[in-house]
Amino acid sequence: MSRSAREDNLELRQSIIDACLEMNRSGINQGTSGNISLRIAGGDMLITPSGVPYEAMSPEMIVRMPVVGDPAPLGRQFAPSSEWQFHQALLAAKPETMAVVHAHPVNCCALAVNHMAIPACHYMVAAFGGHDVPLADYALFGSAELSAHVVTAMADREGCLMANHGAVCTGDTLARAMWRMAELEHLAATYIRARSIGTPKLLSPVQIDDALAAFAGYGLKQD
């Protein structure tokens, strides 16, 4: 189901701050390393500012900038997150995507530093749109090269790991993107634990296809 981009307002901006705070409360992220963006009406996006502690953020600090075109923030604003390039590129490449969530969950990072994708070890892999959760190649944080790697990895996915970095998830709502990030961290932890006690038995392509079909309408009532 496609969603219409919402109008920029203080409530929407506060929802970004609340999600950032929840990432740290839940242990999905640490410090200010995570960042969140939302598509809004008029061809723009909202994104967290660079280097501002979540507890100190106010709605007015959230940065508004175009999804396509000049990346300079509009008017006198804080600088956008250093990772604005892949947020902008994902929203531009995936018209149905309304939210992008980036974080450094410890189990996702553990796999990422080993350059390991997550294979079809559990049916929840299907929640990310395919037969695995891919790994985006490494590039310097905040770079155009990293943005290109993330967009490539997520061409037909709703989440990926980032080599020697962290993870990214998308959704047609912020709630869905946050749900995916939490599920991705749990999936990463499960895969790591399974490898520590044996060799995980992977699901077949047919079994994952069945899970993909079952997920097609899952959670559409989330806001």
N, C-alpha and C. Protein backbone atom coordinates (compact mmCIF):
# COMPACT_ATOMS: atom_id res chain seq x y z
N MET A 1 0.84 -1.19 0.00
CA MET A 1 0.00 0.00 0.00
C MET A 1 0.88 1.24 0.00
N SER A 2 0.63 2.16 -0.90
CA SER A 2 1.39 3.41 -0.93
C SER A 2 0.81 4.38 0.08
N ARG A 3 1.65 5.25 0.59
CA ARG A 3 1.22 6.26 1.55
C ARG A 3 1.53 7.63 0.97
N SER A 4 0.70 8.60 1.28
CA SER A 4 0.95 9.96 0.82
C SER A 4 1.92 10.63 1.79
N ALA A 5 2.83 11.44 1.23
CA ALA A 5 3.74 12.19 2.07
C ALA A 5 2.95 13.18 2.92
N ARG A 6 3.34 13.30 4.17
CA ARG A 6 2.62 14.18 5.09
C ARG A 6 3.19 15.59 5.05
N GLU A 7 2.38 16.53 5.50
CA GLU A 7 2.81 17.93 5.56
C GLU A 7 3.78 18.12 6.73
N ASP A 8 4.73 18.99 6.54
CA ASP A 8 5.68 19.34 7.59
C ASP A 8 4.94 20.04 8.72
N ASN A 9 5.13 19.54 9.94
CA ASN A 9 4.57 20.21 11.12
C ASN A 9 5.36 19.79 12.36
N LEU A 10 5.10 20.46 13.47
CA LEU A 10 5.86 20.18 14.69
C LEU A 10 5.63 18.76 15.20
N GLU A 11 4.41 18.26 15.06
CA GLU A 11 4.12 16.90 15.51
C GLU A 11 4.94 15.87 14.74
N LEU A 12 5.04 16.05 13.42
CA LEU A 12 5.82 15.13 12.60
C LEU A 12 7.30 15.20 12.97
N ARG A 13 7.79 16.40 13.17
CA ARG A 13 9.18 16.58 13.57
C ARG A 13 9.44 15.93 14.94
N GLN A 14 8.49 16.08 15.86
CA GLN A 14 8.66 15.47 17.17
C GLN A 14 8.66 13.95 17.08
N SER A 15 7.93 13.40 16.12
CA SER A 15 7.91 11.94 15.97
C SER A 15 9.30 11.41 15.60
N ILE A 16 10.08 12.19 14.87
CA ILE A 16 11.45 11.80 14.54
C ILE A 16 12.30 11.78 15.82
N ILE A 17 12.18 12.81 16.63
CA ILE A 17 12.92 12.88 17.89
C ILE A 17 12.54 11.72 18.80
N ASP A 18 11.24 11.46 18.91
CA ASP A 18 10.77 10.37 19.76
C ASP A 18 11.34 9.03 19.30
N ALA A 19 11.41 8.82 17.98
CA ALA A 19 11.96 7.58 17.45
C ALA A 19 13.45 7.47 17.76
N CYS A 20 14.17 8.58 17.66
CA CYS A 20 15.59 8.56 18.01
C CYS A 20 15.80 8.19 19.48
N LEU A 21 15.01 8.79 20.33
CA LEU A 21 15.10 8.48 21.76
C LEU A 21 14.78 7.02 22.03
N GLU A 22 13.80 6.49 21.32
CA GLU A 22 13.42 5.09 21.49
C GLU A 22 14.55 4.17 21.03
N MET A 23 15.24 4.53 19.96
CA MET A 23 16.37 3.70 19.50
C MET A 23 17.41 3.54 20.60
N ASN A 24 17.72 4.64 21.29
CA ASN A 24 18.72 4.56 22.34
C ASN A 24 18.19 3.86 23.58
N ARG A 25 16.92 4.09 23.93
CA ARG A 25 16.33 3.42 25.09
C ARG A 25 16.32 1.91 24.90
N SER A 26 16.04 1.48 23.69
CA SER A 26 15.92 0.04 23.41
C SER A 26 17.26 -0.63 23.16
N GLY A 27 18.34 0.14 23.04
CA GLY A 27 19.65 -0.43 22.79
C GLY A 27 19.96 -0.66 21.33
N ILE A 28 19.06 -0.22 20.44
CA ILE A 28 19.31 -0.37 19.01
C ILE A 28 20.42 0.57 18.55
N ASN A 29 20.61 1.64 19.28
CA ASN A 29 21.60 2.64 18.88
C ASN A 29 22.29 3.20 20.12
N GLN A 30 23.40 3.90 19.89
CA GLN A 30 24.15 4.50 20.98
C GLN A 30 24.52 5.93 20.59
N GLY A 31 24.42 6.84 21.54
CA GLY A 31 24.83 8.21 21.29
C GLY A 31 24.05 8.86 20.17
N THR A 32 24.77 9.55 19.29
CA THR A 32 24.11 10.23 18.16
C THR A 32 24.46 9.56 16.83
N SER A 33 24.86 8.28 16.89
CA SER A 33 25.32 7.61 15.67
C SER A 33 24.19 7.27 14.71
N GLY A 34 22.96 7.19 15.21
CA GLY A 34 21.83 6.90 14.34
C GLY A 34 21.22 8.17 13.76
N ASN A 35 20.45 8.01 12.70
CA ASN A 35 19.76 9.15 12.11
C ASN A 35 18.51 8.68 11.39
N ILE A 36 17.54 9.57 11.26
CA ILE A 36 16.22 9.24 10.72
C ILE A 36 15.79 10.32 9.74
N SER A 37 15.13 9.90 8.66
CA SER A 37 14.55 10.86 7.72
C SER A 37 13.13 10.45 7.38
N LEU A 38 12.33 11.44 7.01
CA LEU A 38 10.94 11.23 6.58
C LEU A 38 10.67 12.03 5.32
N ARG A 39 10.01 11.40 4.36
CA ARG A 39 9.54 12.12 3.18
C ARG A 39 8.35 13.00 3.58
N ILE A 40 8.31 14.22 3.09
CA ILE A 40 7.17 15.09 3.35
C ILE A 40 6.63 15.62 2.02
N ALA A 41 5.45 16.20 2.08
CA ALA A 41 4.81 16.74 0.88
C ALA A 41 5.67 17.86 0.29
N GLY A 42 5.57 18.02 -1.03
CA GLY A 42 6.29 19.08 -1.70
C GLY A 42 7.65 18.67 -2.21
N GLY A 43 7.96 17.35 -2.18
CA GLY A 43 9.23 16.88 -2.70
C GLY A 43 10.41 17.08 -1.77
N ASP A 44 10.15 17.28 -0.49
CA ASP A 44 11.21 17.49 0.49
C ASP A 44 11.28 16.33 1.48
N MET A 45 12.27 16.40 2.36
CA MET A 45 12.43 15.43 3.42
C MET A 45 12.83 16.15 4.70
N LEU A 46 12.53 15.51 5.82
CA LEU A 46 13.00 15.96 7.12
C LEU A 46 14.06 14.97 7.59
N ILE A 47 15.13 15.48 8.20
CA ILE A 47 16.20 14.60 8.67
C ILE A 47 16.80 15.17 9.95
N THR A 48 17.29 14.29 10.79
CA THR A 48 17.91 14.71 12.04
C THR A 48 19.14 15.56 11.78
N PRO A 49 19.41 16.54 12.64
CA PRO A 49 20.59 17.39 12.47
C PRO A 49 21.86 16.64 12.86
N SER A 50 22.98 17.17 12.44
CA SER A 50 24.27 16.53 12.70
C SER A 50 24.76 16.82 14.11
N GLY A 51 25.11 15.74 14.83
CA GLY A 51 25.82 15.87 16.08
C GLY A 51 25.05 16.40 17.26
N VAL A 52 23.73 16.51 17.18
CA VAL A 52 22.93 17.03 18.29
C VAL A 52 22.43 15.87 19.13
N PRO A 53 22.73 15.82 20.44
CA PRO A 53 22.19 14.74 21.28
C PRO A 53 20.67 14.70 21.19
N TYR A 54 20.11 13.51 21.11
CA TYR A 54 18.67 13.38 20.95
C TYR A 54 17.91 14.08 22.07
N GLU A 55 18.45 14.01 23.29
CA GLU A 55 17.76 14.62 24.43
C GLU A 55 17.70 16.14 24.31
N ALA A 56 18.61 16.71 23.52
CA ALA A 56 18.66 18.17 23.36
C ALA A 56 17.94 18.65 22.11
N MET A 57 17.42 17.72 21.30
CA MET A 57 16.76 18.11 20.05
C MET A 57 15.39 18.72 20.33
N SER A 58 15.04 19.69 19.51
CA SER A 58 13.69 20.23 19.50
C SER A 58 13.17 20.14 18.07
N PRO A 59 11.86 20.18 17.88
CA PRO A 59 11.32 20.05 16.52
C PRO A 59 11.90 21.05 15.53
N GLU A 60 12.22 22.24 16.01
CA GLU A 60 12.75 23.27 15.11
C GLU A 60 14.14 22.93 14.59
N MET A 61 14.85 22.03 15.27
CA MET A 61 16.20 21.65 14.85
C MET A 61 16.20 20.63 13.71
N ILE A 62 15.08 19.94 13.51
CA ILE A 62 15.01 18.96 12.43
C ILE A 62 15.17 19.70 11.10
N VAL A 63 16.00 19.14 10.23
CA VAL A 63 16.39 19.83 8.99
C VAL A 63 15.46 19.44 7.85
N ARG A 64 15.02 20.45 7.10
CA ARG A 64 14.22 20.21 5.89
C ARG A 64 15.10 20.44 4.68
N MET A 65 15.07 19.48 3.74
CA MET A 65 15.88 19.59 2.53
C MET A 65 15.22 18.82 1.40
N PRO A 66 15.63 19.04 0.15
CA PRO A 66 14.98 18.37 -0.97
C PRO A 66 15.31 16.89 -1.03
N VAL A 67 14.40 16.08 -1.56
CA VAL A 67 14.67 14.68 -1.83
C VAL A 67 15.52 14.55 -3.09
N VAL A 68 15.33 15.42 -4.04
CA VAL A 68 16.10 15.41 -5.28
C VAL A 68 16.61 16.82 -5.54
N GLY A 69 17.86 16.92 -5.92
CA GLY A 69 18.40 18.23 -6.29
C GLY A 69 19.35 18.78 -5.26
N ASP A 70 19.41 20.08 -5.18
CA ASP A 70 20.35 20.78 -4.31
C ASP A 70 20.26 20.25 -2.89
N PRO A 71 21.34 19.69 -2.36
CA PRO A 71 21.29 19.14 -1.01
C PRO A 71 21.38 20.16 0.10
N ALA A 72 21.61 21.42 -0.24
CA ALA A 72 21.75 22.43 0.80
C ALA A 72 20.44 22.57 1.58
N PRO A 73 20.50 22.62 2.91
CA PRO A 73 19.28 22.82 3.69
C PRO A 73 18.59 24.12 3.31
N LEU A 74 17.28 24.14 3.46
CA LEU A 74 16.50 25.31 3.09
C LEU A 74 16.55 26.35 4.21
N GLY A 75 16.99 27.54 3.91
CA GLY A 75 16.99 28.60 4.90
C GLY A 75 18.09 28.42 5.94
N ARG A 76 17.94 29.11 7.07
CA ARG A 76 18.92 29.06 8.15
C ARG A 76 18.55 27.90 9.08
N GLN A 77 19.30 26.80 8.97
CA GLN A 77 18.99 25.61 9.74
C GLN A 77 20.29 24.99 10.26
N PHE A 78 20.13 23.99 11.12
CA PHE A 78 21.26 23.17 11.51
C PHE A 78 21.76 22.39 10.29
N ALA A 79 23.00 21.93 10.33
CA ALA A 79 23.50 21.06 9.27
C ALA A 79 22.79 19.72 9.38
N PRO A 80 22.46 19.10 8.24
CA PRO A 80 21.81 17.79 8.29
C PRO A 80 22.79 16.71 8.74
N SER A 81 22.25 15.58 9.14
CA SER A 81 23.08 14.42 9.48
C SER A 81 24.16 14.20 8.44
N SER A 82 25.32 13.75 8.88
CA SER A 82 26.42 13.48 7.95
C SER A 82 26.05 12.39 6.95
N GLU A 83 25.03 11.60 7.26
CA GLU A 83 24.60 10.52 6.36
C GLU A 83 23.44 10.94 5.45
N TRP A 84 23.23 12.23 5.28
CA TRP A 84 22.09 12.69 4.49
C TRP A 84 22.09 12.13 3.07
N GLN A 85 23.28 11.82 2.53
CA GLN A 85 23.33 11.41 1.12
C GLN A 85 22.59 10.09 0.88
N PHE A 86 22.77 9.09 1.75
CA PHE A 86 22.04 7.85 1.47
C PHE A 86 20.57 7.95 1.87
N HIS A 87 20.25 8.80 2.82
CA HIS A 87 18.83 9.04 3.11
C HIS A 87 18.16 9.64 1.87
N GLN A 88 18.75 10.69 1.33
CA GLN A 88 18.20 11.35 0.16
C GLN A 88 18.12 10.38 -1.02
N ALA A 89 19.19 9.61 -1.24
CA ALA A 89 19.23 8.70 -2.39
C ALA A 89 18.20 7.59 -2.27
N LEU A 90 18.00 7.06 -1.07
CA LEU A 90 17.00 6.01 -0.89
C LEU A 90 15.59 6.54 -1.13
N LEU A 91 15.28 7.71 -0.60
CA LEU A 91 13.95 8.28 -0.82
C LEU A 91 13.73 8.61 -2.29
N ALA A 92 14.79 9.05 -2.98
CA ALA A 92 14.66 9.36 -4.41
C ALA A 92 14.48 8.09 -5.24
N ALA A 93 15.18 7.02 -4.86
CA ALA A 93 15.15 5.78 -5.64
C ALA A 93 13.94 4.92 -5.35
N LYS A 94 13.32 5.11 -4.18
CA LYS A 94 12.21 4.24 -3.74
C LYS A 94 10.98 5.11 -3.45
N PRO A 95 10.18 5.41 -4.45
CA PRO A 95 9.06 6.34 -4.27
C PRO A 95 8.04 5.91 -3.21
N GLU A 96 7.91 4.61 -2.94
CA GLU A 96 6.96 4.15 -1.94
C GLU A 96 7.49 4.29 -0.52
N THR A 97 8.78 4.56 -0.39
CA THR A 97 9.40 4.69 0.92
C THR A 97 9.11 6.06 1.52
N MET A 98 8.66 6.06 2.76
CA MET A 98 8.36 7.30 3.47
C MET A 98 9.36 7.59 4.59
N ALA A 99 10.07 6.55 5.07
CA ALA A 99 10.97 6.73 6.21
C ALA A 99 12.23 5.90 6.03
N VAL A 100 13.35 6.46 6.48
CA VAL A 100 14.63 5.77 6.48
C VAL A 100 15.20 5.87 7.89
N VAL A 101 15.61 4.71 8.44
CA VAL A 101 16.18 4.65 9.78
C VAL A 101 17.57 4.03 9.68
N HIS A 102 18.56 4.72 10.22
CA HIS A 102 19.93 4.21 10.27
C HIS A 102 20.38 4.14 11.72
N ALA A 103 21.02 3.04 12.10
CA ALA A 103 21.49 2.87 13.47
C ALA A 103 22.70 1.94 13.48
N HIS A 104 23.27 1.79 14.67
CA HIS A 104 24.43 0.92 14.87
C HIS A 104 24.11 -0.17 15.90
N PRO A 105 23.15 -1.05 15.63
CA PRO A 105 22.83 -2.12 16.58
C PRO A 105 24.01 -3.08 16.70
N VAL A 106 24.32 -3.52 17.91
CA VAL A 106 25.58 -4.24 18.13
C VAL A 106 25.66 -5.55 17.37
N ASN A 107 24.58 -6.31 17.28
CA ASN A 107 24.65 -7.59 16.57
C ASN A 107 24.71 -7.39 15.06
N CYS A 108 23.99 -6.40 14.56
CA CYS A 108 24.12 -6.04 13.14
C CYS A 108 25.56 -5.63 12.84
N CYS A 109 26.14 -4.83 13.73
CA CYS A 109 27.51 -4.37 13.53
C CYS A 109 28.50 -5.54 13.58
N ALA A 110 28.24 -6.50 14.47
CA ALA A 110 29.13 -7.66 14.58
C ALA A 110 29.19 -8.42 13.26
N LEU A 111 28.04 -8.61 12.62
CA LEU A 111 28.04 -9.25 11.31
C LEU A 111 28.69 -8.35 10.26
N ALA A 112 28.38 -7.06 10.33
CA ALA A 112 28.88 -6.13 9.32
C ALA A 112 30.40 -6.03 9.32
N VAL A 113 31.03 -6.09 10.50
CA VAL A 113 32.49 -5.99 10.54
C VAL A 113 33.13 -7.28 10.03
N ASN A 114 32.37 -8.36 9.99
CA ASN A 114 32.84 -9.61 9.40
C ASN A 114 32.42 -9.74 7.93
N HIS A 115 31.80 -8.69 7.41
CA HIS A 115 31.33 -8.66 6.02
C HIS A 115 30.41 -9.85 5.72
N MET A 116 29.45 -10.05 6.63
CA MET A 116 28.52 -11.16 6.51
C MET A 116 27.10 -10.63 6.31
N ALA A 117 26.45 -11.06 5.24
CA ALA A 117 25.02 -10.82 5.08
C ALA A 117 24.26 -11.83 5.94
N ILE A 118 22.95 -11.66 6.05
CA ILE A 118 22.12 -12.63 6.79
C ILE A 118 21.38 -13.48 5.78
N PRO A 119 21.66 -14.78 5.73
CA PRO A 119 20.99 -15.65 4.76
C PRO A 119 19.59 -16.04 5.24
N ALA A 120 18.96 -16.95 4.53
CA ALA A 120 17.58 -17.37 4.84
C ALA A 120 17.55 -18.32 6.03
N CYS A 121 18.02 -17.81 7.18
CA CYS A 121 18.10 -18.63 8.38
C CYS A 121 16.80 -18.65 9.16
N HIS A 122 15.88 -17.74 8.85
CA HIS A 122 14.64 -17.58 9.60
C HIS A 122 13.63 -16.94 8.65
N TYR A 123 12.35 -17.26 8.83
CA TYR A 123 11.36 -16.69 7.91
C TYR A 123 11.27 -15.17 8.00
N MET A 124 11.74 -14.58 9.12
CA MET A 124 11.68 -13.12 9.24
C MET A 124 12.59 -12.40 8.25
N VAL A 125 13.50 -13.13 7.61
CA VAL A 125 14.28 -12.52 6.53
C VAL A 125 13.35 -11.94 5.48
N ALA A 126 12.20 -12.57 5.28
CA ALA A 126 11.24 -12.10 4.28
C ALA A 126 10.68 -10.72 4.61
N ALA A 127 10.74 -10.31 5.86
CA ALA A 127 10.24 -8.98 6.24
C ALA A 127 11.06 -7.86 5.59
N PHE A 128 12.22 -8.23 5.03
CA PHE A 128 13.10 -7.24 4.42
C PHE A 128 13.05 -7.32 2.90
N GLY A 129 12.11 -8.13 2.37
CA GLY A 129 11.80 -8.06 0.95
C GLY A 129 12.46 -9.06 0.03
N GLY A 130 13.24 -10.00 0.58
CA GLY A 130 13.91 -10.94 -0.30
C GLY A 130 14.39 -12.18 0.43
N HIS A 131 15.34 -12.88 -0.18
CA HIS A 131 15.82 -14.15 0.33
C HIS A 131 17.01 -14.01 1.28
N ASP A 132 17.45 -12.79 1.52
CA ASP A 132 18.51 -12.54 2.49
C ASP A 132 18.41 -11.07 2.90
N VAL A 133 19.21 -10.72 3.90
CA VAL A 133 19.43 -9.30 4.21
C VAL A 133 20.84 -9.00 3.72
N PRO A 134 20.98 -8.22 2.66
CA PRO A 134 22.29 -8.05 2.02
C PRO A 134 23.23 -7.15 2.82
N LEU A 135 24.48 -7.18 2.38
CA LEU A 135 25.53 -6.34 2.96
C LEU A 135 25.96 -5.31 1.93
N ALA A 136 25.87 -4.04 2.29
CA ALA A 136 26.38 -2.97 1.43
C ALA A 136 27.89 -2.87 1.61
N ASP A 137 28.59 -2.68 0.51
CA ASP A 137 30.05 -2.54 0.57
C ASP A 137 30.46 -1.35 1.43
N TYR A 138 31.68 -1.41 1.93
CA TYR A 138 32.19 -0.34 2.77
C TYR A 138 32.60 0.88 1.96
N ALA A 139 32.34 2.03 2.51
CA ALA A 139 32.90 3.31 2.05
C ALA A 139 32.85 4.26 3.24
N LEU A 140 33.59 5.33 3.18
CA LEU A 140 33.64 6.29 4.28
C LEU A 140 32.25 6.82 4.61
N PHE A 141 31.95 6.94 5.90
CA PHE A 141 30.64 7.46 6.31
C PHE A 141 30.42 8.85 5.71
N GLY A 142 29.18 9.10 5.33
CA GLY A 142 28.83 10.41 4.79
C GLY A 142 29.25 10.65 3.36
N SER A 143 29.79 9.62 2.69
CA SER A 143 30.30 9.82 1.34
C SER A 143 29.28 9.44 0.28
N ALA A 144 29.48 9.99 -0.92
CA ALA A 144 28.63 9.63 -2.06
C ALA A 144 28.84 8.16 -2.42
N GLU A 145 30.05 7.65 -2.22
CA GLU A 145 30.33 6.24 -2.51
C GLU A 145 29.51 5.33 -1.60
N LEU A 146 29.44 5.66 -0.32
CA LEU A 146 28.63 4.86 0.60
C LEU A 146 27.17 4.92 0.19
N SER A 147 26.69 6.09 -0.17
CA SER A 147 25.31 6.24 -0.61
C SER A 147 25.01 5.31 -1.78
N ALA A 148 25.92 5.26 -2.75
CA ALA A 148 25.72 4.39 -3.92
C ALA A 148 25.69 2.93 -3.51
N HIS A 149 26.55 2.53 -2.58
CA HIS A 149 26.57 1.13 -2.13
C HIS A 149 25.26 0.76 -1.42
N VAL A 150 24.75 1.66 -0.59
CA VAL A 150 23.52 1.39 0.15
C VAL A 150 22.34 1.28 -0.81
N VAL A 151 22.24 2.20 -1.75
CA VAL A 151 21.15 2.16 -2.72
C VAL A 151 21.20 0.88 -3.55
N THR A 152 22.39 0.45 -3.94
CA THR A 152 22.53 -0.80 -4.70
C THR A 152 22.07 -1.99 -3.87
N ALA A 153 22.52 -2.07 -2.62
CA ALA A 153 22.15 -3.20 -1.76
C ALA A 153 20.66 -3.25 -1.50
N MET A 154 20.01 -2.08 -1.47
CA MET A 154 18.59 -2.01 -1.11
C MET A 154 17.68 -1.80 -2.31
N ALA A 155 18.17 -2.10 -3.50
CA ALA A 155 17.35 -1.90 -4.70
C ALA A 155 16.03 -2.63 -4.62
N ASP A 156 16.04 -3.84 -4.05
CA ASP A 156 14.81 -4.62 -3.89
C ASP A 156 14.67 -5.13 -2.47
N ARG A 157 15.16 -4.35 -1.53
CA ARG A 157 15.11 -4.72 -0.12
C ARG A 157 14.63 -3.55 0.72
N GLU A 158 14.21 -3.87 1.95
CA GLU A 158 13.78 -2.85 2.91
C GLU A 158 14.76 -2.77 4.07
N GLY A 159 15.92 -3.39 3.93
CA GLY A 159 16.93 -3.31 4.97
C GLY A 159 18.23 -3.90 4.48
N CYS A 160 19.34 -3.41 5.05
CA CYS A 160 20.64 -3.99 4.73
C CYS A 160 21.59 -3.73 5.89
N LEU A 161 22.65 -4.53 5.94
CA LEU A 161 23.79 -4.26 6.80
C LEU A 161 24.78 -3.43 6.00
N MET A 162 25.66 -2.72 6.69
CA MET A 162 26.64 -1.85 6.05
C MET A 162 28.02 -2.27 6.54
N ALA A 163 28.87 -2.72 5.63
CA ALA A 163 30.17 -3.26 6.01
C ALA A 163 30.93 -2.31 6.93
N ASN A 164 31.41 -2.87 8.07
CA ASN A 164 32.20 -2.10 9.05
C ASN A 164 31.49 -0.82 9.50
N HIS A 165 30.16 -0.89 9.61
CA HIS A 165 29.41 0.34 9.93
C HIS A 165 28.18 0.01 10.77
N GLY A 166 27.03 -0.27 10.13
CA GLY A 166 25.79 -0.46 10.88
C GLY A 166 24.71 -1.06 10.02
N ALA A 167 23.51 -0.47 10.08
CA ALA A 167 22.37 -1.02 9.35
C ALA A 167 21.44 0.11 8.93
N VAL A 168 20.65 -0.15 7.89
CA VAL A 168 19.64 0.79 7.39
C VAL A 168 18.36 0.01 7.14
N CYS A 169 17.23 0.60 7.52
CA CYS A 169 15.92 0.03 7.21
C CYS A 169 15.01 1.13 6.68
N THR A 170 14.07 0.72 5.83
CA THR A 170 13.10 1.66 5.27
C THR A 170 11.69 1.17 5.56
N GLY A 171 10.71 2.06 5.33
CA GLY A 171 9.32 1.68 5.52
C GLY A 171 8.38 2.69 4.91
N ASP A 172 7.13 2.26 4.73
CA ASP A 172 6.12 3.18 4.22
C ASP A 172 5.56 4.06 5.33
N THR A 173 6.01 3.80 6.56
CA THR A 173 5.76 4.69 7.70
C THR A 173 7.01 4.63 8.58
N LEU A 174 7.16 5.61 9.46
CA LEU A 174 8.26 5.58 10.41
C LEU A 174 8.12 4.38 11.33
N ALA A 175 6.89 4.07 11.75
CA ALA A 175 6.67 2.91 12.62
C ALA A 175 7.16 1.63 11.97
N ARG A 176 6.89 1.48 10.66
CA ARG A 176 7.32 0.27 9.97
C ARG A 176 8.84 0.21 9.86
N ALA A 177 9.49 1.32 9.56
CA ALA A 177 10.95 1.33 9.48
C ALA A 177 11.58 1.02 10.84
N MET A 178 11.02 1.56 11.91
CA MET A 178 11.53 1.28 13.25
C MET A 178 11.32 -0.19 13.61
N TRP A 179 10.16 -0.72 13.27
CA TRP A 179 9.88 -2.14 13.52
C TRP A 179 10.91 -3.01 12.81
N ARG A 180 11.21 -2.67 11.56
CA ARG A 180 12.19 -3.46 10.82
C ARG A 180 13.57 -3.39 11.47
N MET A 181 13.96 -2.22 11.96
CA MET A 181 15.28 -2.12 12.58
C MET A 181 15.36 -3.01 13.82
N ALA A 182 14.31 -3.00 14.64
CA ALA A 182 14.29 -3.87 15.82
C ALA A 182 14.33 -5.33 15.42
N GLU A 183 13.57 -5.70 14.40
CA GLU A 183 13.55 -7.08 13.93
C GLU A 183 14.89 -7.48 13.33
N LEU A 184 15.55 -6.55 12.64
CA LEU A 184 16.84 -6.86 12.04
C LEU A 184 17.89 -7.14 13.12
N GLU A 185 17.88 -6.36 14.18
CA GLU A 185 18.82 -6.61 15.26
C GLU A 185 18.55 -7.96 15.93
N HIS A 186 17.29 -8.30 16.13
CA HIS A 186 16.96 -9.61 16.71
C HIS A 186 17.37 -10.73 15.78
N LEU A 187 17.14 -10.55 14.49
CA LEU A 187 17.52 -11.55 13.50
C LEU A 187 19.04 -11.74 13.48
N ALA A 188 19.78 -10.63 13.55
CA ALA A 188 21.24 -10.72 13.58
C ALA A 188 21.71 -11.46 14.82
N ALA A 189 21.10 -11.18 15.97
CA ALA A 189 21.48 -11.87 17.21
C ALA A 189 21.17 -13.36 17.12
N THR A 190 20.03 -13.70 16.53
CA THR A 190 19.65 -15.11 16.38
C THR A 190 20.65 -15.84 15.49
N TYR A 191 21.03 -15.22 14.39
CA TYR A 191 21.96 -15.84 13.45
C TYR A 191 23.33 -16.04 14.10
N ILE A 192 23.79 -15.05 14.83
CA ILE A 192 25.07 -15.17 15.53
C ILE A 192 25.02 -16.30 16.55
N ARG A 193 23.95 -16.34 17.34
CA ARG A 193 23.80 -17.40 18.35
C ARG A 193 23.73 -18.77 17.70
N ALA A 194 22.99 -18.89 16.60
CA ALA A 194 22.88 -20.17 15.91
C ALA A 194 24.23 -20.65 15.40
N ARG A 195 25.03 -19.73 14.87
CA ARG A 195 26.35 -20.11 14.36
C ARG A 195 27.29 -20.52 15.48
N SER A 196 27.04 -20.02 16.69
CA SER A 196 27.92 -20.35 17.81
C SER A 196 27.70 -21.77 18.33
N ILE A 197 26.55 -22.38 18.01
CA ILE A 197 26.26 -23.73 18.52
C ILE A 197 26.15 -24.77 17.40
N GLY A 198 26.31 -24.34 16.16
CA GLY A 198 26.20 -25.28 15.06
C GLY A 198 26.17 -24.58 13.72
N THR A 199 25.69 -25.28 12.72
CA THR A 199 25.57 -24.72 11.37
C THR A 199 24.09 -24.49 11.08
N PRO A 200 23.66 -23.24 10.96
CA PRO A 200 22.23 -22.97 10.72
C PRO A 200 21.71 -23.68 9.48
N LYS A 201 20.51 -24.25 9.58
CA LYS A 201 19.84 -24.89 8.45
C LYS A 201 18.98 -23.84 7.76
N LEU A 202 19.32 -23.53 6.53
CA LEU A 202 18.65 -22.45 5.83
C LEU A 202 17.35 -22.90 5.20
N LEU A 203 16.39 -21.97 5.13
CA LEU A 203 15.13 -22.23 4.44
C LEU A 203 15.37 -22.25 2.94
N SER A 204 14.54 -23.00 2.24
CA SER A 204 14.66 -23.10 0.79
C SER A 204 14.08 -21.84 0.13
N PRO A 205 14.43 -21.59 -1.13
CA PRO A 205 13.83 -20.46 -1.85
C PRO A 205 12.30 -20.52 -1.87
N VAL A 206 11.74 -21.70 -2.00
CA VAL A 206 10.28 -21.85 -2.00
C VAL A 206 9.71 -21.45 -0.65
N GLN A 207 10.36 -21.86 0.42
CA GLN A 207 9.87 -21.51 1.76
C GLN A 207 9.94 -20.01 2.00
N ILE A 208 11.00 -19.37 1.54
CA ILE A 208 11.08 -17.91 1.69
C ILE A 208 10.06 -17.22 0.80
N ASP A 209 9.83 -17.75 -0.41
CA ASP A 209 8.79 -17.18 -1.27
C ASP A 209 7.43 -17.24 -0.60
N ASP A 210 7.14 -18.34 0.10
CA ASP A 210 5.88 -18.44 0.83
C ASP A 210 5.80 -17.38 1.92
N ALA A 211 6.93 -17.16 2.62
CA ALA A 211 6.95 -16.14 3.67
C ALA A 211 6.80 -14.74 3.08
N LEU A 212 7.42 -14.49 1.93
CA LEU A 212 7.27 -13.20 1.26
C LEU A 212 5.81 -12.93 0.91
N ALA A 213 5.12 -13.96 0.42
CA ALA A 213 3.70 -13.81 0.08
C ALA A 213 2.89 -13.53 1.34
N ALA A 214 3.22 -14.21 2.43
CA ALA A 214 2.48 -14.03 3.68
C ALA A 214 2.69 -12.63 4.26
N PHE A 215 3.88 -12.06 4.02
CA PHE A 215 4.19 -10.73 4.54
C PHE A 215 3.59 -9.61 3.68
N ALA A 216 3.06 -9.93 2.52
CA ALA A 216 2.63 -8.90 1.58
C ALA A 216 1.65 -7.90 2.19
N GLY A 217 0.76 -8.35 3.07
CA GLY A 217 -0.18 -7.43 3.67
C GLY A 217 0.01 -7.24 5.15
N TYR A 218 1.20 -7.62 5.65
CA TYR A 218 1.42 -7.61 7.09
C TYR A 218 1.61 -6.18 7.62
N GLY A 219 0.88 -5.84 8.66
CA GLY A 219 1.10 -4.59 9.35
C GLY A 219 0.71 -3.33 8.61
N LEU A 220 -0.20 -3.46 7.62
CA LEU A 220 -0.54 -2.27 6.84
C LEU A 220 -1.28 -1.21 7.62
N LYS A 221 -1.79 -1.57 8.80
CA LYS A 221 -2.54 -0.58 9.58
C LYS A 221 -1.62 0.23 10.50
N GLN A 222 -0.31 -0.05 10.45
CA GLN A 222 0.59 0.75 11.28
C GLN A 222 0.60 2.19 10.77
N ASP A 223 0.73 3.14 11.70
CA ASP A 223 0.86 4.56 11.35
C ASP A 223 2.30 5.01 11.49
